[in-house]
Each structure stands twice: as structure tokens, then as C-alpha cells.
C-alpha atoms as a PDB file:
ATOM      1  CA  UNK A   1       0.054  -0.050  -0.094  1.00  0.00           C
ATOM      2  CA  UNK A   2       1.762   3.109  -1.229  1.00  0.00           C
ATOM      3  CA  UNK A   3       1.380   6.734  -0.156  1.00  0.00           C
ATOM      4  CA  UNK A   4      -1.100   7.527  -2.922  1.00  0.00           C
ATOM      5  CA  UNK A   5      -3.292   4.736  -2.197  1.00  0.00           C
ATOM      6  CA  UNK A   6      -3.313   5.339   1.559  1.00  0.00           C
ATOM      7  CA  UNK A   7      -4.408   8.968   0.727  1.00  0.00           C
ATOM      8  CA  UNK A   8      -7.282   7.668  -1.448  1.00  0.00           C
ATOM      9  CA  UNK A   9      -8.185   5.406   1.696  1.00  0.00           C
ATOM     10  CA  UNK A  10      -7.821   8.387   3.947  1.00  0.00           C
ATOM     11  CA  UNK A  11     -10.342  10.232   1.745  1.00  0.00           C
ATOM     12  CA  UNK A  12     -12.720   7.298   2.108  1.00  0.00           C
ATOM     13  CA  UNK A  13     -12.628   7.467   5.580  1.00  0.00           C
ATOM     14  CA  UNK A  14     -13.278  11.197   5.808  1.00  0.00           C
ATOM     15  CA  UNK A  15     -16.521  10.924   4.264  1.00  0.00           C
ATOM     16  CA  UNK A  16     -18.609   9.713   7.289  1.00  0.00           C
ATOM     17  CA  UNK A  17     -17.035  12.568   9.324  1.00  0.00           C
ATOM     18  CA  UNK A  18     -17.864  15.206   6.752  1.00  0.00           C
ATOM     19  CA  UNK A  19     -21.297  14.013   6.656  1.00  0.00           C
ATOM     20  CA  UNK A  20     -21.848  14.183  10.451  1.00  0.00           C
ATOM     21  CA  UNK A  21     -20.910  17.842  10.324  1.00  0.00           C
ATOM     22  CA  UNK A  22     -22.855  18.444   7.128  1.00  0.00           C
ATOM     23  CA  UNK A  23     -26.029  17.110   8.815  1.00  0.00           C
ATOM     24  CA  UNK A  24     -25.540  17.846  12.483  1.00  0.00           C
ATOM     25  CA  UNK A  25     -25.680  21.482  13.667  1.00  0.00           C
ATOM     26  CA  UNK A  26     -24.303  20.631  17.156  1.00  0.00           C
ATOM     27  CA  UNK A  27     -21.814  23.441  16.721  1.00  0.00           C
ATOM     28  CA  UNK A  28     -24.093  25.748  15.169  1.00  0.00           C
ATOM     29  CA  UNK A  29     -22.768  27.634  12.016  1.00  0.00           C
ATOM     30  CA  UNK A  30     -19.323  26.428  12.844  1.00  0.00           C
ATOM     31  CA  UNK A  31     -20.490  22.782  11.769  1.00  0.00           C
ATOM     32  CA  UNK A  32     -20.774  23.949   8.334  1.00  0.00           C
ATOM     33  CA  UNK A  33     -17.114  25.195   8.149  1.00  0.00           C
ATOM     34  CA  UNK A  34     -15.888  22.110   9.726  1.00  0.00           C
ATOM     35  CA  UNK A  35     -17.703  20.260   7.094  1.00  0.00           C
ATOM     36  CA  UNK A  36     -16.236  22.446   4.623  1.00  0.00           C
ATOM     37  CA  UNK A  37     -12.893  22.205   5.934  1.00  0.00           C
ATOM     38  CA  UNK A  38     -13.172  18.409   5.892  1.00  0.00           C
ATOM     39  CA  UNK A  39     -14.674  18.412   2.332  1.00  0.00           C
ATOM     40  CA  UNK A  40     -11.577  20.633   0.980  1.00  0.00           C
ATOM     41  CA  UNK A  41      -9.040  18.526   2.892  1.00  0.00           C
ATOM     42  CA  UNK A  42     -10.333  15.425   1.330  1.00  0.00           C
ATOM     43  CA  UNK A  43     -10.715  17.174  -2.016  1.00  0.00           C
ATOM     44  CA  UNK A  44      -7.042  18.008  -1.917  1.00  0.00           C
ATOM     45  CA  UNK A  45      -6.087  14.460  -1.220  1.00  0.00           C
ATOM     46  CA  UNK A  46      -7.609  13.570  -4.526  1.00  0.00           C
ATOM     47  CA  UNK A  47      -5.246  15.936  -6.232  1.00  0.00           C
ATOM     48  CA  UNK A  48      -2.209  14.952  -4.051  1.00  0.00           C
ATOM     49  CA  UNK A  49      -2.662  11.228  -4.561  1.00  0.00           C
ATOM     50  CA  UNK A  50      -2.734  11.509  -8.357  1.00  0.00           C
ATOM     51  CA  UNK A  51       0.166  13.918  -8.281  1.00  0.00           C
ATOM     52  CA  UNK A  52       2.143  11.470  -6.288  1.00  0.00           C
ATOM     53  CA  UNK A  53       1.460   8.406  -8.136  1.00  0.00           C
ATOM     54  CA  UNK A  54       2.209   9.974 -11.373  1.00  0.00           C
ATOM     55  CA  UNK A  55       5.495  11.855 -10.306  1.00  0.00           C
ATOM     56  CA  UNK A  56       6.939   8.751  -8.436  1.00  0.00           C
ATOM     57  CA  UNK A  57       5.637   6.143 -10.801  1.00  0.00           C
ATOM     58  CA  UNK A  58       3.242   4.677  -8.234  1.00  0.00           C
ATOM     59  CA  UNK A  59       0.312   4.333 -10.147  1.00  0.00           C
ATOM     60  CA  UNK A  60      -1.640   0.989  -9.491  1.00  0.00           C
ATOM     61  CA  UNK A  61      -4.718  -0.758 -10.630  1.00  0.00           C
ATOM     62  CA  UNK A  62      -5.877  -0.323  -7.018  1.00  0.00           C
ATOM     63  CA  UNK A  63      -5.465   3.582  -7.344  1.00  0.00           C
ATOM     64  CA  UNK A  64      -7.054   3.622 -10.809  1.00  0.00           C
ATOM     65  CA  UNK A  65     -10.132   1.637  -9.440  1.00  0.00           C
ATOM     66  CA  UNK A  66     -10.498   3.248  -6.254  1.00  0.00           C
ATOM     67  CA  UNK A  67      -9.493   6.973  -6.829  1.00  0.00           C
ATOM     68  CA  UNK A  68     -12.503   7.374  -8.770  1.00  0.00           C
ATOM     69  CA  UNK A  69     -14.892   5.392  -6.200  1.00  0.00           C
ATOM     70  CA  UNK A  70     -13.400   7.539  -3.424  1.00  0.00           C
ATOM     71  CA  UNK A  71     -14.319  10.806  -5.517  1.00  0.00           C
ATOM     72  CA  UNK A  72     -17.723   9.510  -6.098  1.00  0.00           C
ATOM     73  CA  UNK A  73     -18.446   8.766  -2.421  1.00  0.00           C
ATOM     74  CA  UNK A  74     -17.227  12.257  -1.397  1.00  0.00           C
ATOM     75  CA  UNK A  75     -18.880  14.186  -3.957  1.00  0.00           C
ATOM     76  CA  UNK A  76     -22.392  12.126  -3.993  1.00  0.00           C
ATOM     77  CA  UNK A  77     -22.326  12.428   0.020  1.00  0.00           C
ATOM     78  CA  UNK A  78     -21.944  16.083  -0.293  1.00  0.00           C
ATOM     79  CA  UNK A  79     -24.737  16.178  -3.069  1.00  0.00           C
ATOM     80  CA  UNK A  80     -27.062  14.194  -0.986  1.00  0.00           C
ATOM     81  CA  UNK A  81     -26.501  16.227   2.247  1.00  0.00           C
ATOM     82  CA  UNK A  82     -27.095  19.375  -0.022  1.00  0.00           C
ATOM     83  CA  UNK A  83     -30.260  18.063  -1.089  1.00  0.00           C
ATOM     84  CA  UNK A  84     -31.129  17.246   2.302  1.00  0.00           C
ATOM     85  CA  UNK A  85     -30.421  20.687   3.426  1.00  0.00           C
ATOM     86  CA  UNK A  86     -32.517  22.302   0.711  1.00  0.00           C
ATOM     87  CA  UNK A  87     -29.388  23.990  -1.038  1.00  0.00           C
ATOM     88  CA  UNK A  88     -29.490  21.853  -4.215  1.00  0.00           C
ATOM     89  CA  UNK A  89     -32.166  20.434  -6.638  1.00  0.00           C
ATOM     90  CA  UNK A  90     -32.783  16.889  -6.401  1.00  0.00           C
ATOM     91  CA  UNK A  91     -32.973  16.429 -10.037  1.00  0.00           C
ATOM     92  CA  UNK A  92     -29.430  17.788 -10.608  1.00  0.00           C
ATOM     93  CA  UNK A  93     -28.105  15.393  -7.972  1.00  0.00           C
ATOM     94  CA  UNK A  94     -30.076  12.553  -9.830  1.00  0.00           C
ATOM     95  CA  UNK A  95     -28.277  13.436 -13.099  1.00  0.00           C
ATOM     96  CA  UNK A  96     -24.874  13.456 -11.484  1.00  0.00           C
ATOM     97  CA  UNK A  97     -25.240  10.406  -9.515  1.00  0.00           C
ATOM     98  CA  UNK A  98     -26.968   8.489 -12.496  1.00  0.00           C
ATOM     99  CA  UNK A  99     -23.719   9.474 -14.537  1.00  0.00           C
ATOM    100  CA  UNK A 100     -21.708   7.737 -11.728  1.00  0.00           C
ATOM    101  CA  UNK A 101     -23.726   4.556 -11.730  1.00  0.00           C
ATOM    102  CA  UNK A 102     -23.434   4.308 -15.627  1.00  0.00           C
ATOM    103  CA  UNK A 103     -19.603   4.879 -15.372  1.00  0.00           C
ATOM    104  CA  UNK A 104     -19.325   2.294 -12.492  1.00  0.00           C
ATOM    105  CA  UNK A 105     -21.209  -0.286 -14.626  1.00  0.00           C
ATOM    106  CA  UNK A 106     -18.592   0.304 -17.436  1.00  0.00           C
ATOM    107  CA  UNK A 107     -15.731   0.005 -14.948  1.00  0.00           C
ATOM    108  CA  UNK A 108     -17.337  -3.369 -13.614  1.00  0.00           C
ATOM    109  CA  UNK A 109     -17.892  -4.788 -17.154  1.00  0.00           C
ATOM    110  CA  UNK A 110     -14.236  -3.763 -18.063  1.00  0.00           C
ATOM    111  CA  UNK A 111     -12.972  -5.285 -14.978  1.00  0.00           C
ATOM    112  CA  UNK A 112     -14.560  -8.671 -15.813  1.00  0.00           C
ATOM    113  CA  UNK A 113     -12.627  -8.515 -18.850  1.00  0.00           C
ATOM    114  CA  UNK A 114      -9.280  -7.756 -17.092  1.00  0.00           C
ATOM    115  CA  UNK A 115      -9.360  -4.030 -18.230  1.00  0.00           C
ATOM    116  CA  UNK A 116      -8.940  -0.873 -15.746  1.00  0.00           C
ATOM    117  CA  UNK A 117     -10.384   2.174 -17.083  1.00  0.00           C
ATOM    118  CA  UNK A 118      -8.493   5.352 -15.570  1.00  0.00           C
ATOM    119  CA  UNK A 119     -10.387   8.555 -15.547  1.00  0.00           C
ATOM    120  CA  UNK A 120     -10.056  10.922 -18.546  1.00  0.00           C
ATOM    121  CA  UNK A 121      -9.624  14.709 -18.640  1.00  0.00           C
ATOM    122  CA  UNK A 122     -13.329  15.324 -18.857  1.00  0.00           C
ATOM    123  CA  UNK A 123     -14.013  13.149 -15.882  1.00  0.00           C
ATOM    124  CA  UNK A 124     -11.164  14.859 -13.996  1.00  0.00           C
ATOM    125  CA  UNK A 125     -12.664  18.364 -14.978  1.00  0.00           C
ATOM    126  CA  UNK A 126     -15.878  17.313 -13.893  1.00  0.00           C
ATOM    127  CA  UNK A 127     -14.715  15.946 -10.578  1.00  0.00           C
ATOM    128  CA  UNK A 128     -12.878  19.302  -9.921  1.00  0.00           C
ATOM    129  CA  UNK A 129     -15.992  21.414 -10.793  1.00  0.00           C
ATOM    130  CA  UNK A 130     -18.236  19.608  -8.795  1.00  0.00           C
ATOM    131  CA  UNK A 131     -15.891  19.810  -5.766  1.00  0.00           C
ATOM    132  CA  UNK A 132     -15.953  23.529  -6.172  1.00  0.00           C
ATOM    133  CA  UNK A 133     -19.555  23.508  -6.546  1.00  0.00           C
ATOM    134  CA  UNK A 134     -19.992  21.626  -3.330  1.00  0.00           C
ATOM    135  CA  UNK A 135     -17.574  23.878  -1.400  1.00  0.00           C
ATOM    136  CA  UNK A 136     -19.569  26.915  -2.560  1.00  0.00           C
ATOM    137  CA  UNK A 137     -22.911  25.319  -1.709  1.00  0.00           C
ATOM    138  CA  UNK A 138     -21.367  24.124   1.732  1.00  0.00           C
ATOM    139  CA  UNK A 139     -20.170  27.756   2.836  1.00  0.00           C
ATOM    140  CA  UNK A 140     -23.305  29.246   1.614  1.00  0.00           C
ATOM    141  CA  UNK A 141     -21.883  32.645   1.062  1.00  0.00           C
ATOM    142  CA  UNK A 142     -24.663  34.743  -0.281  1.00  0.00           C
ATOM    143  CA  UNK A 143     -22.002  37.142  -2.039  1.00  0.00           C
ATOM    144  CA  UNK A 144     -21.303  34.316  -4.161  1.00  0.00           C
ATOM    145  CA  UNK A 145     -24.643  33.209  -5.189  1.00  0.00           C
ATOM    146  CA  UNK A 146     -23.917  33.976  -8.860  1.00  0.00           C
ATOM    147  CA  UNK A 147     -20.733  32.269  -8.814  1.00  0.00           C
ATOM    148  CA  UNK A 148     -22.278  29.469  -7.113  1.00  0.00           C
ATOM    149  CA  UNK A 149     -25.166  29.042  -9.693  1.00  0.00           C
ATOM    150  CA  UNK A 150     -22.589  29.105 -12.619  1.00  0.00           C
ATOM    151  CA  UNK A 151     -20.580  26.307 -10.861  1.00  0.00           C
ATOM    152  CA  UNK A 152     -23.808  24.375 -10.494  1.00  0.00           C
ATOM    153  CA  UNK A 153     -24.593  24.401 -14.175  1.00  0.00           C
ATOM    154  CA  UNK A 154     -21.009  24.117 -15.346  1.00  0.00           C
ATOM    155  CA  UNK A 155     -20.748  20.866 -13.134  1.00  0.00           C
ATOM    156  CA  UNK A 156     -23.964  19.696 -14.671  1.00  0.00           C
ATOM    157  CA  UNK A 157     -22.701  20.259 -18.351  1.00  0.00           C
ATOM    158  CA  UNK A 158     -19.286  18.734 -17.676  1.00  0.00           C
ATOM    159  CA  UNK A 159     -21.003  15.785 -16.013  1.00  0.00           C
ATOM    160  CA  UNK A 160     -23.074  15.115 -19.344  1.00  0.00           C
ATOM    161  CA  UNK A 161     -20.107  15.850 -21.616  1.00  0.00           C
ATOM    162  CA  UNK A 162     -17.846  13.573 -19.493  1.00  0.00           C
ATOM    163  CA  UNK A 163     -20.425  10.631 -19.560  1.00  0.00           C
ATOM    164  CA  UNK A 164     -20.898  11.031 -23.434  1.00  0.00           C
ATOM    165  CA  UNK A 165     -16.925  11.322 -23.900  1.00  0.00           C
ATOM    166  CA  UNK A 166     -16.594   8.067 -21.689  1.00  0.00           C
ATOM    167  CA  UNK A 167     -18.995   6.056 -23.470  1.00  0.00           C
ATOM    168  CA  UNK A 168     -17.541   6.842 -26.845  1.00  0.00           C
ATOM    169  CA  UNK A 169     -14.171   6.264 -25.904  1.00  0.00           C
ATOM    170  CA  UNK A 170     -14.970   2.983 -24.071  1.00  0.00           C
ATOM    171  CA  UNK A 171     -18.068   1.653 -26.175  1.00  0.00           C
ATOM    172  CA  UNK A 172     -15.573  -1.451 -26.929  1.00  0.00           C
ATOM    173  CA  UNK A 173     -16.336  -2.634 -23.455  1.00  0.00           C
ATOM    174  CA  UNK A 174     -19.658  -3.623 -24.313  1.00  0.00           C
ATOM    175  CA  UNK A 175     -18.549  -5.542 -27.397  1.00  0.00           C
ATOM    176  CA  UNK A 176     -16.124  -7.496 -25.141  1.00  0.00           C
ATOM    177  CA  UNK A 177     -19.148  -9.296 -23.601  1.00  0.00           C
ATOM    178  CA  UNK A 178     -19.722 -12.540 -24.305  1.00  0.00           C
END
């Protein structure tokens, strides 16, 4: 278990702590700032584990498989919490999570055929914009409402673009089925 993979596992472990602070207002408004700090730290591990893995030639099949799952777990948990708090429309979250299920299905089929499909540039951009959107929504700064709205729609558009790109570039995965 190399350092990038440990960071991925750490990100997964941070998710329940994040959710507690997102949904529990035991510390009043400080709860959202703690939740935001945890989310930002977890998001930074996403960048750091990828950077370290590429820089130090530590890319593994575990990392290729688990890193996107850790990202999905973090972002989807945040999105569901934001719907619960009334900060984000459910239809947007359904589209985003639906995309994740479709891509996960492709990855499972590919894995059955001995292939590991790493995230592409559109998927990485989608993840970054979704994380920024989540941070803006968690912080709930009214002065940034226009920026937050732009981030929501940018995340939605990148979600759809990355889905189409992923399917187009990996359609052969379906033809590998016996």
C-alpha cells in the first residue's frame, strides 16, 4: 500500500466525518465550516494522490479503481447532504449520480474483462468543478450566489460531457461481453 493509495483510503474514511458535520448542527454555524474544511481537505487528497502516483511512478490498478470510487463517495455524499439541507435541487443530483452509476457499470464490465479504465480529462474536470460547486454550496456565502449558480450548471454540463466522452471512448467494453 503506497502513499497515494493510503491517501485514497484516507479520503474514503473522511466521508462519514464530513457527513456528520454536514447534517449535525451541534456546533451551530461552525458545523458547516468544519464540514467545508473536511471536504476541502478530502478534495486536496484527490489531487495529491494523483500527483504523487504519477510523479513517483506509483500508479496501481488499486489506485485507478479506488480513486474514482473515493471521489464519487465524497462528492455524492456531499450532494445528498446538500439536497437534505435544501441547497441543491434533487434533479441535478439525480443526473450527477446517474452518470456515476453508468460509469461504474462500464468499469465493472471492463474489470471482468481484465481492463482497468482510468479517468479521462473530462471526468477529472467534472470532478474538480463538482468539488468547487460543493464547497461553494456548503459555505453558503450569499455574496457568491452568482458564482455558485455558474458552478452548479458548469458541473452539470461537464457531468454530461464526461459521460458522453467516456461512453464514446469505451464503447468497445460492451462489445467485449460474451
